[in-house]
Amino acid sequence: MLRRLFKTGNSIVLSLPREVLDGLKLADGDEVNLELESEEHRLLVTKVEKPLTSVGVDEDFAGHLAEFIQEYRSALEELAQ
């Protein structure tokens, strides 16, 4: 997928098409981590997952929820379909 960089103010912008945003489950305002792989001339984009505690969820509850999701992930994914 070929993209063209463009200048906005003092920044150079790389826009991401909808299919990439959907594939990475990214939305406006999300944070991403950029990792430069210099030798391969690659840029790795990873979504930063915010911990539930950052939105006011009790830390103990968040831990139990994470354990539940890990244990029942396959069943939850089937239910989601």
PDB file of N, CA and C in Angstrom:
ATOM      1  N   MET A   1       0.858  -1.166   0.000  1.00  0.00           N
ATOM      2  CA  MET A   1       0.000   0.000   0.000  1.00  0.00           C
ATOM      3  C   MET A   1       0.908   1.234   0.000  1.00  0.00           C
ATOM      4  N   LEU A   2       0.799   2.017  -1.016  1.00  0.00           N
ATOM      5  CA  LEU A   2       1.633   3.198  -1.186  1.00  0.00           C
ATOM      6  C   LEU A   2       0.929   4.418  -0.602  1.00  0.00           C
ATOM      7  N   ARG A   3       1.637   5.186   0.220  1.00  0.00           N
ATOM      8  CA  ARG A   3       1.104   6.424   0.800  1.00  0.00           C
ATOM      9  C   ARG A   3       2.096   7.544   0.524  1.00  0.00           C
ATOM     10  N   ARG A   4       1.596   8.764   0.418  1.00  0.00           N
ATOM     11  CA  ARG A   4       2.446   9.924   0.190  1.00  0.00           C
ATOM     12  C   ARG A   4       2.464  10.783   1.451  1.00  0.00           C
ATOM     13  N   LEU A   5       3.660  11.210   1.853  1.00  0.00           N
ATOM     14  CA  LEU A   5       3.810  12.111   2.995  1.00  0.00           C
ATOM     15  C   LEU A   5       3.463  13.525   2.547  1.00  0.00           C
ATOM     16  N   PHE A   6       2.917  14.315   3.474  1.00  0.00           N
ATOM     17  CA  PHE A   6       2.645  15.714   3.157  1.00  0.00           C
ATOM     18  C   PHE A   6       2.944  16.580   4.369  1.00  0.00           C
ATOM     19  N   LYS A   7       3.200  17.851   4.099  1.00  0.00           N
ATOM     20  CA  LYS A   7       3.588  18.782   5.155  1.00  0.00           C
ATOM     21  C   LYS A   7       2.367  19.523   5.678  1.00  0.00           C
ATOM     22  N   THR A   8       2.293  19.614   7.012  1.00  0.00           N
ATOM     23  CA  THR A   8       1.273  20.411   7.682  1.00  0.00           C
ATOM     24  C   THR A   8       1.992  21.216   8.759  1.00  0.00           C
ATOM     25  N   GLY A   9       2.077  22.524   8.579  1.00  0.00           N
ATOM     26  CA  GLY A   9       2.845  23.345   9.519  1.00  0.00           C
ATOM     27  C   GLY A   9       4.303  22.938   9.459  1.00  0.00           C
ATOM     28  N   ASN A  10       4.881  22.624  10.631  1.00  0.00           N
ATOM     29  CA  ASN A  10       6.277  22.188  10.686  1.00  0.00           C
ATOM     30  C   ASN A  10       6.409  20.665  10.719  1.00  0.00           C
ATOM     31  N   SER A  11       5.314  19.961  10.537  1.00  0.00           N
ATOM     32  CA  SER A  11       5.324  18.497  10.628  1.00  0.00           C
ATOM     33  C   SER A  11       5.132  17.856   9.260  1.00  0.00           C
ATOM     34  N   ILE A  12       5.642  16.641   9.142  1.00  0.00           N
ATOM     35  CA  ILE A  12       5.382  15.810   7.973  1.00  0.00           C
ATOM     36  C   ILE A  12       4.374  14.758   8.423  1.00  0.00           C
ATOM     37  N   VAL A  13       3.313  14.578   7.662  1.00  0.00           N
ATOM     38  CA  VAL A  13       2.198  13.715   8.059  1.00  0.00           C
ATOM     39  C   VAL A  13       2.128  12.482   7.159  1.00  0.00           C
ATOM     40  N   LEU A  14       1.865  11.349   7.792  1.00  0.00           N
ATOM     41  CA  LEU A  14       1.570  10.111   7.078  1.00  0.00           C
ATOM     42  C   LEU A  14       0.140   9.750   7.443  1.00  0.00           C
ATOM     43  N   SER A  15      -0.769   9.843   6.490  1.00  0.00           N
ATOM     44  CA  SER A  15      -2.162   9.499   6.782  1.00  0.00           C
ATOM     45  C   SER A  15      -2.344   7.993   6.631  1.00  0.00           C
ATOM     46  N   LEU A  16      -3.209   7.444   7.469  1.00  0.00           N
ATOM     47  CA  LEU A  16      -3.487   6.010   7.431  1.00  0.00           C
ATOM     48  C   LEU A  16      -4.885   5.794   6.879  1.00  0.00           C
ATOM     49  N   PRO A  17      -5.026   4.914   5.897  1.00  0.00           N
ATOM     50  CA  PRO A  17      -6.348   4.669   5.327  1.00  0.00           C
ATOM     51  C   PRO A  17      -7.249   3.931   6.313  1.00  0.00           C
ATOM     52  N   ARG A  18      -8.533   4.011   6.097  1.00  0.00           N
ATOM     53  CA  ARG A  18      -9.539   3.417   6.982  1.00  0.00           C
ATOM     54  C   ARG A  18      -9.268   1.941   7.247  1.00  0.00           C
ATOM     55  N   GLU A  19      -8.879   1.180   6.214  1.00  0.00           N
ATOM     56  CA  GLU A  19      -8.660  -0.259   6.405  1.00  0.00           C
ATOM     57  C   GLU A  19      -7.517  -0.541   7.386  1.00  0.00           C
ATOM     58  N   VAL A  20      -6.501   0.312   7.399  1.00  0.00           N
ATOM     59  CA  VAL A  20      -5.400   0.156   8.358  1.00  0.00           C
ATOM     60  C   VAL A  20      -5.882   0.517   9.755  1.00  0.00           C
ATOM     61  N   LEU A  21      -6.613   1.626   9.870  1.00  0.00           N
ATOM     62  CA  LEU A  21      -7.153   2.032  11.173  1.00  0.00           C
ATOM     63  C   LEU A  21      -8.055   0.948  11.745  1.00  0.00           C
ATOM     64  N   ASP A  22      -8.917   0.390  10.905  1.00  0.00           N
ATOM     65  CA  ASP A  22      -9.813  -0.678  11.356  1.00  0.00           C
ATOM     66  C   ASP A  22      -9.025  -1.912  11.769  1.00  0.00           C
ATOM     67  N   GLY A  23      -8.017  -2.266  10.978  1.00  0.00           N
ATOM     68  CA  GLY A  23      -7.210  -3.445  11.271  1.00  0.00           C
ATOM     69  C   GLY A  23      -6.455  -3.333  12.582  1.00  0.00           C
ATOM     70  N   LEU A  24      -6.010  -2.120  12.917  1.00  0.00           N
ATOM     71  CA  LEU A  24      -5.292  -1.889  14.175  1.00  0.00           C
ATOM     72  C   LEU A  24      -6.228  -1.457  15.298  1.00  0.00           C
ATOM     73  N   LYS A  25      -7.512  -1.337  14.967  1.00  0.00           N
ATOM     74  CA  LYS A  25      -8.520  -0.859  15.927  1.00  0.00           C
ATOM     75  C   LYS A  25      -8.111   0.499  16.503  1.00  0.00           C
ATOM     76  N   LEU A  26      -7.747   1.407  15.587  1.00  0.00           N
ATOM     77  CA  LEU A  26      -7.354   2.766  15.956  1.00  0.00           C
ATOM     78  C   LEU A  26      -8.469   3.742  15.627  1.00  0.00           C
ATOM     79  N   ALA A  27      -8.574   4.772  16.458  1.00  0.00           N
ATOM     80  CA  ALA A  27      -9.551   5.830  16.223  1.00  0.00           C
ATOM     81  C   ALA A  27      -8.897   7.168  16.542  1.00  0.00           C
ATOM     82  N   ASP A  28      -9.529   8.228  16.118  1.00  0.00           N
ATOM     83  CA  ASP A  28      -9.045   9.579  16.383  1.00  0.00           C
ATOM     84  C   ASP A  28      -8.799   9.749  17.879  1.00  0.00           C
ATOM     85  N   GLY A  29      -7.622  10.233  18.239  1.00  0.00           N
ATOM     86  CA  GLY A  29      -7.299  10.469  19.641  1.00  0.00           C
ATOM     87  C   GLY A  29      -6.541   9.334  20.310  1.00  0.00           C
ATOM     88  N   ASP A  30      -6.506   8.146  19.683  1.00  0.00           N
ATOM     89  CA  ASP A  30      -5.740   7.033  20.250  1.00  0.00           C
ATOM     90  C   ASP A  30      -4.253   7.365  20.212  1.00  0.00           C
ATOM     91  N   GLU A  31      -3.507   6.733  21.108  1.00  0.00           N
ATOM     92  CA  GLU A  31      -2.060   6.900  21.121  1.00  0.00           C
ATOM     93  C   GLU A  31      -1.412   5.677  20.494  1.00  0.00           C
ATOM     94  N   VAL A  32      -0.321   5.921  19.750  1.00  0.00           N
ATOM     95  CA  VAL A  32       0.438   4.830  19.146  1.00  0.00           C
ATOM     96  C   VAL A  32       1.904   4.974  19.524  1.00  0.00           C
ATOM     97  N   ASN A  33       2.593   3.857  19.527  1.00  0.00           N
ATOM     98  CA  ASN A  33       4.027   3.843  19.747  1.00  0.00           C
ATOM     99  C   ASN A  33       4.687   3.611  18.393  1.00  0.00           C
ATOM    100  N   LEU A  34       5.685   4.425  18.067  1.00  0.00           N
ATOM    101  CA  LEU A  34       6.405   4.282  16.808  1.00  0.00           C
ATOM    102  C   LEU A  34       7.789   3.727  17.099  1.00  0.00           C
ATOM    103  N   GLU A  35       8.149   2.681  16.373  1.00  0.00           N
ATOM    104  CA  GLU A  35       9.445   2.050  16.556  1.00  0.00           C
ATOM    105  C   GLU A  35      10.145   2.023  15.206  1.00  0.00           C
ATOM    106  N   LEU A  36      11.324   2.616  15.154  1.00  0.00           N
ATOM    107  CA  LEU A  36      12.080   2.682  13.907  1.00  0.00           C
ATOM    108  C   LEU A  36      13.007   1.475  13.805  1.00  0.00           C
ATOM    109  N   GLU A  37      12.878   0.737  12.725  1.00  0.00           N
ATOM    110  CA  GLU A  37      13.786  -0.364  12.422  1.00  0.00           C
ATOM    111  C   GLU A  37      14.673   0.130  11.286  1.00  0.00           C
ATOM    112  N   SER A  38      15.768   0.812  11.668  1.00  0.00           N
ATOM    113  CA  SER A  38      16.594   1.544  10.706  1.00  0.00           C
ATOM    114  C   SER A  38      17.184   0.679   9.605  1.00  0.00           C
ATOM    115  N   GLU A  39      17.736  -0.462   9.974  1.00  0.00           N
ATOM    116  CA  GLU A  39      18.412  -1.281   8.969  1.00  0.00           C
ATOM    117  C   GLU A  39      17.456  -1.764   7.884  1.00  0.00           C
ATOM    118  N   GLU A  40      16.201  -2.023   8.257  1.00  0.00           N
ATOM    119  CA  GLU A  40      15.209  -2.492   7.286  1.00  0.00           C
ATOM    120  C   GLU A  40      14.411  -1.343   6.687  1.00  0.00           C
ATOM    121  N   HIS A  41      14.676  -0.110   7.130  1.00  0.00           N
ATOM    122  CA  HIS A  41      13.924   1.071   6.684  1.00  0.00           C
ATOM    123  C   HIS A  41      12.434   0.876   6.922  1.00  0.00           C
ATOM    124  N   ARG A  42      12.099   0.429   8.142  1.00  0.00           N
ATOM    125  CA  ARG A  42      10.702   0.170   8.501  1.00  0.00           C
ATOM    126  C   ARG A  42      10.298   0.978   9.713  1.00  0.00           C
ATOM    127  N   LEU A  43       9.014   1.279   9.762  1.00  0.00           N
ATOM    128  CA  LEU A  43       8.411   1.942  10.909  1.00  0.00           C
ATOM    129  C   LEU A  43       7.319   1.021  11.434  1.00  0.00           C
ATOM    130  N   LEU A  44       7.413   0.653  12.702  1.00  0.00           N
ATOM    131  CA  LEU A  44       6.433  -0.228  13.324  1.00  0.00           C
ATOM    132  C   LEU A  44       5.481   0.628  14.154  1.00  0.00           C
ATOM    133  N   VAL A  45       4.186   0.510  13.885  1.00  0.00           N
ATOM    134  CA  VAL A  45       3.158   1.276  14.590  1.00  0.00           C
ATOM    135  C   VAL A  45       2.373   0.321  15.476  1.00  0.00           C
ATOM    136  N   THR A  46       2.350   0.599  16.784  1.00  0.00           N
ATOM    137  CA  THR A  46       1.645  -0.248  17.741  1.00  0.00           C
ATOM    138  C   THR A  46       0.697   0.607  18.571  1.00  0.00           C
ATOM    139  N   LYS A  47      -0.541   0.158  18.684  1.00  0.00           N
ATOM    140  CA  LYS A  47      -1.516   0.884  19.495  1.00  0.00           C
ATOM    141  C   LYS A  47      -1.132   0.778  20.968  1.00  0.00           C
ATOM    142  N   VAL A  48      -1.222   1.896  21.685  1.00  0.00           N
ATOM    143  CA  VAL A  48      -0.966   1.910  23.120  1.00  0.00           C
ATOM    144  C   VAL A  48      -2.283   1.614  23.821  1.00  0.00           C
ATOM    145  N   GLU A  49      -2.315   0.510  24.521  1.00  0.00           N
ATOM    146  CA  GLU A  49      -3.517   0.128  25.265  1.00  0.00           C
ATOM    147  C   GLU A  49      -3.506   0.846  26.607  1.00  0.00           C
ATOM    148  N   LYS A  50      -4.544   1.588  26.880  1.00  0.00           N
ATOM    149  CA  LYS A  50      -4.651   2.293  28.155  1.00  0.00           C
ATOM    150  C   LYS A  50      -5.159   1.319  29.212  1.00  0.00           C
ATOM    151  N   PRO A  51      -4.520   1.309  30.381  1.00  0.00           N
ATOM    152  CA  PRO A  51      -5.017   0.425  31.438  1.00  0.00           C
ATOM    153  C   PRO A  51      -6.393   0.882  31.912  1.00  0.00           C
ATOM    154  N   LEU A  52      -7.209  -0.076  32.304  1.00  0.00           N
ATOM    155  CA  LEU A  52      -8.559   0.253  32.779  1.00  0.00           C
ATOM    156  C   LEU A  52      -8.526   1.223  33.953  1.00  0.00           C
ATOM    157  N   THR A  53      -7.456   1.158  34.745  1.00  0.00           N
ATOM    158  CA  THR A  53      -7.371   2.051  35.905  1.00  0.00           C
ATOM    159  C   THR A  53      -7.272   3.511  35.480  1.00  0.00           C
ATOM    160  N   SER A  54      -6.828   3.772  34.244  1.00  0.00           N
ATOM    161  CA  SER A  54      -6.720   5.159  33.780  1.00  0.00           C
ATOM    162  C   SER A  54      -8.081   5.789  33.520  1.00  0.00           C
ATOM    163  N   VAL A  55      -9.125   4.958  33.449  1.00  0.00           N
ATOM    164  CA  VAL A  55     -10.476   5.488  33.235  1.00  0.00           C
ATOM    165  C   VAL A  55     -11.358   5.254  34.463  1.00  0.00           C
ATOM    166  N   GLY A  56     -10.711   5.036  35.616  1.00  0.00           N
ATOM    167  CA  GLY A  56     -11.454   4.966  36.868  1.00  0.00           C
ATOM    168  C   GLY A  56     -11.889   3.590  37.326  1.00  0.00           C
ATOM    169  N   VAL A  57     -11.444   2.534  36.651  1.00  0.00           N
ATOM    170  CA  VAL A  57     -11.808   1.180  37.077  1.00  0.00           C
ATOM    171  C   VAL A  57     -10.879   0.765  38.217  1.00  0.00           C
ATOM    172  N   ASP A  58     -11.448   0.175  39.255  1.00  0.00           N
ATOM    173  CA  ASP A  58     -10.691  -0.286  40.411  1.00  0.00           C
ATOM    174  C   ASP A  58      -9.593  -1.262  39.968  1.00  0.00           C
ATOM    175  N   GLU A  59      -8.390  -1.106  40.506  1.00  0.00           N
ATOM    176  CA  GLU A  59      -7.248  -1.923  40.101  1.00  0.00           C
ATOM    177  C   GLU A  59      -7.479  -3.417  40.358  1.00  0.00           C
ATOM    178  N   ASP A  60      -8.077  -3.753  41.490  1.00  0.00           N
ATOM    179  CA  ASP A  60      -8.355  -5.148  41.829  1.00  0.00           C
ATOM    180  C   ASP A  60      -9.346  -5.755  40.828  1.00  0.00           C
ATOM    181  N   PHE A  61     -10.408  -4.998  40.523  1.00  0.00           N
ATOM    182  CA  PHE A  61     -11.402  -5.467  39.558  1.00  0.00           C
ATOM    183  C   PHE A  61     -10.776  -5.636  38.177  1.00  0.00           C
ATOM    184  N   ALA A  62      -9.931  -4.685  37.782  1.00  0.00           N
ATOM    185  CA  ALA A  62      -9.272  -4.755  36.474  1.00  0.00           C
ATOM    186  C   ALA A  62      -8.413  -6.015  36.379  1.00  0.00           C
ATOM    187  N   GLY A  63      -7.751  -6.372  37.464  1.00  0.00           N
ATOM    188  CA  GLY A  63      -6.938  -7.587  37.480  1.00  0.00           C
ATOM    189  C   GLY A  63      -7.782  -8.838  37.311  1.00  0.00           C
ATOM    190  N   HIS A  64      -8.908  -8.901  38.037  1.00  0.00           N
ATOM    191  CA  HIS A  64      -9.809 -10.047  37.914  1.00  0.00           C
ATOM    192  C   HIS A  64     -10.390 -10.135  36.501  1.00  0.00           C
ATOM    193  N   LEU A  65     -10.732  -8.993  35.935  1.00  0.00           N
ATOM    194  CA  LEU A  65     -11.281  -8.968  34.581  1.00  0.00           C
ATOM    195  C   LEU A  65     -10.257  -9.482  33.566  1.00  0.00           C
ATOM    196  N   ALA A  66      -9.007  -9.050  33.702  1.00  0.00           N
ATOM    197  CA  ALA A  66      -7.953  -9.502  32.790  1.00  0.00           C
ATOM    198  C   ALA A  66      -7.762 -11.016  32.886  1.00  0.00           C
ATOM    199  N   GLU A  67      -7.793 -11.549  34.096  1.00  0.00           N
ATOM    200  CA  GLU A  67      -7.666 -13.001  34.284  1.00  0.00           C
ATOM    201  C   GLU A  67      -8.839 -13.739  33.637  1.00  0.00           C
ATOM    202  N   PHE A  68     -10.044 -13.209  33.820  1.00  0.00           N
ATOM    203  CA  PHE A  68     -11.245 -13.811  33.239  1.00  0.00           C
ATOM    204  C   PHE A  68     -11.150 -13.843  31.717  1.00  0.00           C
ATOM    205  N   ILE A  69     -10.748 -12.718  31.144  1.00  0.00           N
ATOM    206  CA  ILE A  69     -10.641 -12.630  29.684  1.00  0.00           C
ATOM    207  C   ILE A  69      -9.587 -13.600  29.170  1.00  0.00           C
ATOM    208  N   GLN A  70      -8.461 -13.683  29.871  1.00  0.00           N
ATOM    209  CA  GLN A  70      -7.406 -14.598  29.443  1.00  0.00           C
ATOM    210  C   GLN A  70      -7.895 -16.046  29.487  1.00  0.00           C
ATOM    211  N   GLU A  71      -8.597 -16.409  30.541  1.00  0.00           N
ATOM    212  CA  GLU A  71      -9.062 -17.784  30.703  1.00  0.00           C
ATOM    213  C   GLU A  71     -10.145 -18.156  29.689  1.00  0.00           C
ATOM    214  N   TYR A  72     -11.038 -17.222  29.392  1.00  0.00           N
ATOM    215  CA  TYR A  72     -12.194 -17.522  28.535  1.00  0.00           C
ATOM    216  C   TYR A  72     -12.137 -16.829  27.175  1.00  0.00           C
ATOM    217  N   ARG A  73     -10.934 -16.440  26.733  1.00  0.00           N
ATOM    218  CA  ARG A  73     -10.787 -15.676  25.486  1.00  0.00           C
ATOM    219  C   ARG A  73     -11.467 -16.363  24.299  1.00  0.00           C
ATOM    220  N   SER A  74     -11.224 -17.643  24.104  1.00  0.00           N
ATOM    221  CA  SER A  74     -11.790 -18.311  22.920  1.00  0.00           C
ATOM    222  C   SER A  74     -13.316 -18.315  22.960  1.00  0.00           C
ATOM    223  N   ALA A  75     -13.902 -18.553  24.123  1.00  0.00           N
ATOM    224  CA  ALA A  75     -15.369 -18.537  24.235  1.00  0.00           C
ATOM    225  C   ALA A  75     -15.908 -17.130  23.988  1.00  0.00           C
ATOM    226  N   LEU A  76     -15.228 -16.124  24.513  1.00  0.00           N
ATOM    227  CA  LEU A  76     -15.666 -14.739  24.318  1.00  0.00           C
ATOM    228  C   LEU A  76     -15.583 -14.346  22.843  1.00  0.00           C
ATOM    229  N   GLU A  77     -14.530 -14.796  22.162  1.00  0.00           N
ATOM    230  CA  GLU A  77     -14.393 -14.482  20.734  1.00  0.00           C
ATOM    231  C   GLU A  77     -15.496 -15.148  19.918  1.00  0.00           C
ATOM    232  N   GLU A  78     -15.863 -16.372  20.283  1.00  0.00           N
ATOM    233  CA  GLU A  78     -16.966 -17.044  19.588  1.00  0.00           C
ATOM    234  C   GLU A  78     -18.284 -16.313  19.820  1.00  0.00           C
ATOM    235  N   LEU A  79     -18.513 -15.878  21.043  1.00  0.00           N
ATOM    236  CA  LEU A  79     -19.741 -15.139  21.354  1.00  0.00           C
ATOM    237  C   LEU A  79     -19.801 -13.813  20.595  1.00  0.00           C
ATOM    238  N   ALA A  80     -18.650 -13.203  20.385  1.00  0.00           N
ATOM    239  CA  ALA A  80     -18.606 -11.913  19.697  1.00  0.00           C
ATOM    240  C   ALA A  80     -19.013 -12.034  18.230  1.00  0.00           C
ATOM    241  N   GLN A  81     -18.883 -13.236  17.664  1.00  0.00           N
ATOM    242  CA  GLN A  81     -19.239 -13.423  16.255  1.00  0.00           C
ATOM    243  C   GLN A  81     -20.704 -13.650  16.174  1.00  0.00           C
TER     244      GLN A  81
END
